[in-house]
Amino acid sequence: MNLPPPRIALIGECMIELQQHADGSLHQSFGGDTLNTAVYLSRELGGRASVDYVTALGDDSFSDSMCRIWREEGIGLDLVQRLPGRLPGLYCIQTDAKGERRFLYWRNEAAVRDCFTAPSAAPVLAALPDYDVLYFSGITLAVLGECGREKLVEVLELARQGDTRVVFDNNYRPRLWAGVEQARAAYRSVLPYVDMALLTLEDEQALFDYADAQAVFSAHENIGTPEVVIKRGAGSCLVHCEGEAFEVPACKVETVVDTTAAGDSFSAAYLASRLGGGDPQQAALAGHRLASRVIQVRGALIPRT
């Protein structure tokens, strides 16, 4: 019997991206953590799954261009709201000689702030529990705001009553929160629903003061998270899955150009591999391979070629 392809919904924000070159000139594109993951996930799965993006945009030309690009990448737009008179957020990437990044943001009035609270959100919220996979990040939690987060928790409660798998990337950005306690409360409200946690070690330590990776694993064992992946940049990643532990070395890269979306692309390839039947070690290798290609090109989204 041929089963229908899995349906995946990724929730978050896409922004107008400006890349500042050494001569001060700017290159304009688009990016955002869950959007980056959605694009790379769609590419990795190659039509073997339905990948939809969940966000709110304006009715401007930048929002039009975003939707066109997503459609070309095979991403479904049924859950993208277009709010009249609103605009997307904007950020600028400044990259040093070692490929490390500094971000400048303009996002306080972005349309995504009302993604789950606008009147047009009702059918979106109703549709989400029927997906096979729901994916969101710590940045998603921040930009949704308190009311939006409450709506998200309601969705997760309904989703977990069925067979939906919930995937969470921690992506903690302190500047998006009023304080660390607000962020901790928001994370703790969703973590009990998470089936797969894709974590950056530095973010976990900054948010929860964990001493090391083992402390992170112990905390998630207490929560009951079945699968936990700790990303450690150029170092090996660590995986705990259903009582087994794995350490998978990263791919060596001679020249790092831009580390933007390294973690997002890793998460996409890891999830794609797991959805395709790969074990955690195979999935981690797939994540490292894709991330190693992404960091050799400027910008969040490398050319498909």
Protein backbone atom coordinates (compact mmCIF):
# COMPACT_ATOMS: atom_id res chain seq x y z
CA MET A 1 0.00 0.00 0.00
CA ASN A 2 1.37 3.43 -0.96
CA LEU A 3 1.19 5.78 2.00
CA PRO A 4 0.76 9.52 1.38
CA PRO A 5 3.94 11.58 1.82
CA PRO A 6 4.37 13.07 5.30
CA ARG A 7 3.14 16.61 5.82
CA ILE A 8 5.53 18.95 7.61
CA ALA A 9 4.74 22.46 8.85
CA LEU A 10 7.52 24.79 9.93
CA ILE A 11 6.48 27.80 12.00
CA GLY A 12 8.44 31.03 12.16
CA GLU A 13 9.68 34.18 10.52
CA CYS A 14 11.37 35.06 7.26
CA MET A 15 13.07 38.44 7.10
CA ILE A 16 14.61 40.67 4.47
CA GLU A 17 18.34 39.86 4.64
CA LEU A 18 21.10 42.37 3.87
CA GLN A 19 24.65 41.05 3.56
CA GLN A 20 27.29 43.73 4.07
CA HIS A 21 30.43 43.27 1.97
CA ALA A 22 33.92 44.47 2.84
CA ASP A 23 33.53 47.54 0.65
CA GLY A 24 30.33 48.52 2.48
CA SER A 25 27.96 47.49 -0.32
CA LEU A 26 24.87 45.44 0.51
CA HIS A 27 23.37 42.36 -1.14
CA GLN A 28 19.67 41.80 -0.48
CA SER A 29 18.11 38.36 -0.05
CA PHE A 30 15.80 36.63 2.45
CA GLY A 31 16.38 34.45 5.49
CA GLY A 32 15.23 33.28 8.91
CA ASP A 33 16.05 30.20 10.95
CA THR A 34 12.93 28.09 10.35
CA LEU A 35 12.62 29.34 6.76
CA ASN A 36 16.22 28.30 6.11
CA THR A 37 15.41 24.88 7.51
CA ALA A 38 12.24 24.66 5.41
CA VAL A 39 14.14 25.38 2.20
CA TYR A 40 16.92 22.91 2.92
CA LEU A 41 14.39 20.32 4.10
CA SER A 42 12.42 20.67 0.88
CA ARG A 43 15.62 20.26 -1.14
CA GLU A 44 16.79 17.24 0.87
CA LEU A 45 13.42 15.46 0.64
CA GLY A 46 13.06 16.21 -3.06
CA GLY A 47 9.27 15.91 -3.19
CA ARG A 48 9.07 12.90 -0.86
CA ALA A 49 7.17 15.03 1.66
CA SER A 50 4.95 18.08 1.74
CA VAL A 51 6.77 21.03 3.33
CA ASP A 52 4.60 24.02 4.32
CA TYR A 53 5.70 27.25 5.92
CA VAL A 54 3.62 28.98 8.59
CA THR A 55 4.10 32.72 8.98
CA ALA A 56 2.55 36.14 8.43
CA LEU A 57 3.76 38.64 5.84
CA GLY A 58 2.62 42.00 4.54
CA ASP A 59 1.06 42.95 1.22
CA ASP A 60 4.26 44.57 -0.07
CA SER A 61 6.61 43.67 -2.91
CA PHE A 62 9.19 42.07 -0.58
CA SER A 63 6.50 39.71 0.74
CA ASP A 64 5.48 38.95 -2.86
CA SER A 65 9.08 38.03 -3.68
CA MET A 66 9.37 35.80 -0.62
CA CYS A 67 6.29 33.82 -1.63
CA ARG A 68 7.53 33.46 -5.19
CA ILE A 69 10.90 32.11 -4.04
CA TRP A 70 9.32 29.70 -1.57
CA ARG A 71 7.00 28.37 -4.24
CA GLU A 72 10.01 27.79 -6.50
CA GLU A 73 11.64 25.85 -3.67
CA GLY A 74 8.61 23.56 -3.41
CA ILE A 75 7.33 25.04 -0.15
CA GLY A 76 3.57 25.19 0.36
CA LEU A 77 2.04 28.60 1.04
CA ASP A 78 -1.45 27.64 2.22
CA LEU A 79 -0.61 28.65 5.80
CA VAL A 80 1.08 31.95 4.93
CA GLN A 81 -1.07 34.92 5.98
CA ARG A 82 -0.82 38.25 4.15
CA LEU A 83 -1.73 41.10 6.50
CA PRO A 84 -2.71 44.40 4.78
CA GLY A 85 -0.43 47.33 5.47
CA ARG A 86 2.22 45.26 7.25
CA LEU A 87 5.85 44.48 6.37
CA PRO A 88 8.37 41.70 7.04
CA GLY A 89 11.24 42.23 9.46
CA LEU A 90 14.74 43.10 8.27
CA TYR A 91 18.25 42.16 9.38
CA CYS A 92 21.81 42.83 8.28
CA ILE A 93 24.71 40.35 8.47
CA GLN A 94 28.21 41.71 9.07
CA THR A 95 30.87 38.99 8.70
CA ASP A 96 34.45 39.18 9.98
CA ALA A 97 37.58 37.71 8.41
CA LYS A 98 37.02 34.37 10.17
CA GLY A 99 33.46 33.99 8.89
CA GLU A 100 31.84 34.82 12.22
CA ARG A 101 28.73 36.96 12.09
CA ARG A 102 27.22 40.03 13.75
CA PHE A 103 23.50 40.64 13.25
CA LEU A 104 21.57 43.92 13.27
CA TYR A 105 17.76 43.61 13.43
CA TRP A 106 14.70 45.73 12.59
CA ARG A 107 11.74 43.49 13.41
CA ASN A 108 9.53 44.93 16.19
CA GLU A 109 6.64 45.77 13.85
CA ALA A 110 6.97 42.68 11.62
CA ALA A 111 3.73 41.03 10.49
CA VAL A 112 4.76 37.71 12.06
CA ARG A 113 4.07 39.21 15.48
CA ASP A 114 0.37 38.65 14.75
CA CYS A 115 0.80 35.27 13.07
CA PHE A 116 -1.34 33.43 15.65
CA THR A 117 -3.50 36.33 16.89
CA ALA A 118 -4.82 37.97 13.72
CA PRO A 119 -8.42 37.06 12.70
CA SER A 120 -7.01 35.21 9.67
CA ALA A 121 -5.06 32.87 12.00
CA ALA A 122 -8.06 30.72 13.01
CA PRO A 123 -7.96 28.30 10.02
CA VAL A 124 -4.17 28.08 10.30
CA LEU A 125 -4.34 27.07 13.96
CA ALA A 126 -7.07 24.56 13.18
CA ALA A 127 -4.99 22.94 10.44
CA LEU A 128 -1.72 22.49 12.34
CA PRO A 129 -2.64 19.51 14.59
CA ASP A 130 -3.31 17.41 11.47
CA TYR A 131 0.29 17.62 10.25
CA ASP A 132 2.69 14.70 10.67
CA VAL A 133 5.53 16.96 11.83
CA LEU A 134 5.48 20.40 13.45
CA TYR A 135 8.78 22.27 13.57
CA PHE A 136 9.54 25.53 15.37
CA SER A 137 12.40 27.23 17.19
CA GLY A 138 13.28 29.45 20.10
CA ILE A 139 13.11 32.39 17.73
CA THR A 140 9.57 31.34 16.83
CA LEU A 141 8.68 31.47 20.52
CA ALA A 142 10.12 34.97 20.82
CA VAL A 143 8.49 36.56 17.78
CA LEU A 144 5.04 35.09 18.46
CA GLY A 145 4.75 36.99 21.73
CA GLU A 146 2.96 35.85 24.87
CA CYS A 147 -0.50 35.48 23.30
CA GLY A 148 0.91 33.72 20.27
CA ARG A 149 2.85 31.30 22.46
CA GLU A 150 -0.32 30.41 24.33
CA LYS A 151 -1.96 29.58 21.00
CA LEU A 152 1.05 27.46 20.05
CA VAL A 153 0.84 25.44 23.27
CA GLU A 154 -2.84 24.77 22.54
CA VAL A 155 -1.85 23.50 19.09
CA LEU A 156 0.85 21.26 20.57
CA GLU A 157 -1.60 19.78 23.08
CA LEU A 158 -4.00 18.86 20.28
CA ALA A 159 -1.21 17.61 18.02
CA ARG A 160 0.18 15.27 20.65
CA GLN A 161 -3.23 13.63 21.00
CA GLY A 162 -2.63 12.26 17.52
CA ASP A 163 0.54 10.99 15.83
CA THR A 164 2.16 14.36 15.18
CA ARG A 165 5.89 14.58 15.92
CA VAL A 166 7.08 17.87 17.38
CA VAL A 167 10.59 19.07 16.51
CA PHE A 168 12.24 22.00 18.30
CA ASP A 169 15.47 23.90 17.58
CA ASN A 170 16.47 25.93 20.65
CA ASN A 171 18.02 28.97 18.83
CA TYR A 172 18.12 31.27 21.86
CA ARG A 173 18.62 34.96 21.03
CA PRO A 174 18.73 37.05 24.24
CA ARG A 175 17.95 40.35 22.50
CA LEU A 176 14.50 39.01 21.51
CA TRP A 177 13.45 38.58 25.13
CA ALA A 178 12.69 41.01 27.95
CA GLY A 179 14.91 38.87 30.19
CA VAL A 180 16.24 35.37 30.68
CA GLU A 181 13.40 34.35 33.03
CA GLN A 182 10.79 35.20 30.39
CA ALA A 183 12.67 33.08 27.87
CA ARG A 184 13.06 30.17 30.30
CA ALA A 185 9.34 30.18 31.05
CA ALA A 186 8.50 30.18 27.34
CA TYR A 187 10.86 27.29 26.57
CA ARG A 188 9.62 25.26 29.53
CA SER A 189 6.02 25.69 28.35
CA VAL A 190 6.71 23.81 25.10
CA LEU A 191 9.50 21.35 25.95
CA PRO A 192 7.17 18.67 27.41
CA TYR A 193 5.58 18.32 23.95
CA VAL A 194 8.84 17.94 22.02
CA ASP A 195 9.78 14.61 20.41
CA MET A 196 13.04 15.73 18.83
CA ALA A 197 15.17 18.53 20.30
CA LEU A 198 17.88 19.97 18.03
CA LEU A 199 20.03 22.00 20.38
CA THR A 200 23.06 24.25 20.16
CA LEU A 201 25.17 23.72 23.26
CA GLU A 202 26.12 27.39 23.70
CA ASP A 203 22.46 28.44 23.56
CA GLU A 204 21.47 25.85 26.19
CA GLN A 205 24.24 27.04 28.48
CA ALA A 206 23.37 30.70 27.98
CA LEU A 207 19.69 30.10 28.71
CA PHE A 208 19.73 27.46 31.42
CA ASP A 209 23.29 27.67 32.83
CA TYR A 210 24.02 24.01 32.09
CA ALA A 211 27.60 23.07 32.94
CA ASP A 212 28.13 20.79 29.96
CA ALA A 213 26.44 18.56 27.38
CA GLN A 214 25.76 15.83 29.91
CA ALA A 215 23.78 18.26 32.03
CA VAL A 216 21.69 19.12 28.96
CA PHE A 217 21.00 15.45 28.29
CA SER A 218 20.08 14.85 31.93
CA ALA A 219 17.62 17.75 31.90
CA HIS A 220 15.90 16.47 28.76
CA GLU A 221 15.80 12.95 30.16
CA ASN A 222 13.87 14.35 33.11
CA ILE A 223 11.51 16.15 30.72
CA GLY A 224 11.05 12.95 28.71
CA THR A 225 12.38 14.08 25.31
CA PRO A 226 12.87 10.89 23.23
CA GLU A 227 15.55 12.25 20.87
CA VAL A 228 18.06 14.98 21.68
CA VAL A 229 20.79 16.26 19.35
CA ILE A 230 23.46 18.67 20.59
CA LYS A 231 25.16 20.68 17.84
CA ARG A 232 28.65 21.95 18.67
CA GLY A 233 29.69 23.96 15.61
CA ALA A 234 32.88 22.59 14.08
CA GLY A 235 33.02 19.92 16.77
CA SER A 236 31.27 16.56 16.79
CA CYS A 237 27.56 16.44 17.52
CA LEU A 238 26.15 14.36 20.33
CA VAL A 239 22.92 12.37 20.10
CA HIS A 240 20.81 10.60 22.70
CA CYS A 241 17.95 8.61 21.19
CA GLU A 242 15.76 6.10 23.00
CA GLY A 243 18.47 5.20 25.52
CA GLU A 244 21.38 5.08 23.05
CA ALA A 245 24.19 7.63 22.77
CA PHE A 246 26.19 8.61 19.68
CA GLU A 247 29.02 11.02 18.89
CA VAL A 248 29.41 11.92 15.22
CA PRO A 249 32.41 13.97 13.99
CA ALA A 250 31.84 17.03 11.82
CA CYS A 251 33.18 17.38 8.28
CA LYS A 252 36.46 19.26 8.04
CA VAL A 253 36.23 22.53 6.10
CA GLU A 254 39.42 24.32 5.06
CA THR A 255 37.92 27.76 4.45
CA VAL A 256 34.85 29.01 6.29
CA VAL A 257 33.22 31.88 4.40
CA ASP A 258 29.98 32.45 6.35
CA THR A 259 28.48 30.38 9.18
CA THR A 260 24.96 31.76 8.62
CA ALA A 261 22.38 28.92 8.61
CA ALA A 262 24.94 26.24 9.51
CA GLY A 263 22.75 24.98 12.33
CA ASP A 264 19.53 25.43 10.35
CA SER A 265 20.85 23.34 7.46
CA PHE A 266 22.17 20.67 9.84
CA SER A 267 18.71 20.41 11.37
CA ALA A 268 17.09 20.11 7.94
CA ALA A 269 19.35 17.30 6.76
CA TYR A 270 19.12 15.50 10.11
CA LEU A 271 15.32 15.59 10.07
CA ALA A 272 15.13 14.61 6.40
CA SER A 273 17.31 11.59 7.04
CA ARG A 274 15.26 10.49 10.05
CA LEU A 275 12.01 10.88 8.11
CA GLY A 276 13.55 8.77 5.36
CA GLY A 277 14.35 5.93 7.74
CA GLY A 278 17.96 6.83 8.57
CA ASP A 279 19.31 6.08 12.04
CA PRO A 280 20.64 8.89 14.25
CA GLN A 281 24.25 8.38 13.14
CA GLN A 282 23.31 8.52 9.46
CA ALA A 283 21.18 11.58 10.14
CA ALA A 284 24.00 13.37 11.95
CA LEU A 285 26.41 12.64 9.10
CA ALA A 286 23.87 14.05 6.65
CA GLY A 287 23.55 17.15 8.82
CA HIS A 288 27.30 17.68 8.95
CA ARG A 289 27.66 17.22 5.18
CA LEU A 290 25.05 19.82 4.33
CA ALA A 291 26.28 22.31 6.94
CA SER A 292 29.84 21.97 5.64
CA ARG A 293 28.67 23.05 2.18
CA VAL A 294 26.55 25.92 3.48
CA ILE A 295 29.37 27.56 5.45
CA GLN A 296 31.53 27.81 2.30
CA VAL A 297 29.06 30.20 0.63
CA ARG A 298 27.85 33.65 1.69
CA GLY A 299 24.29 34.03 2.92
CA ALA A 300 21.74 31.79 4.56
CA LEU A 301 20.56 29.98 1.43
CA ILE A 302 23.17 28.64 -0.96
CA PRO A 303 22.29 28.21 -4.65
CA ARG A 304 20.51 24.97 -5.47
CA THR A 305 23.25 24.16 -7.99
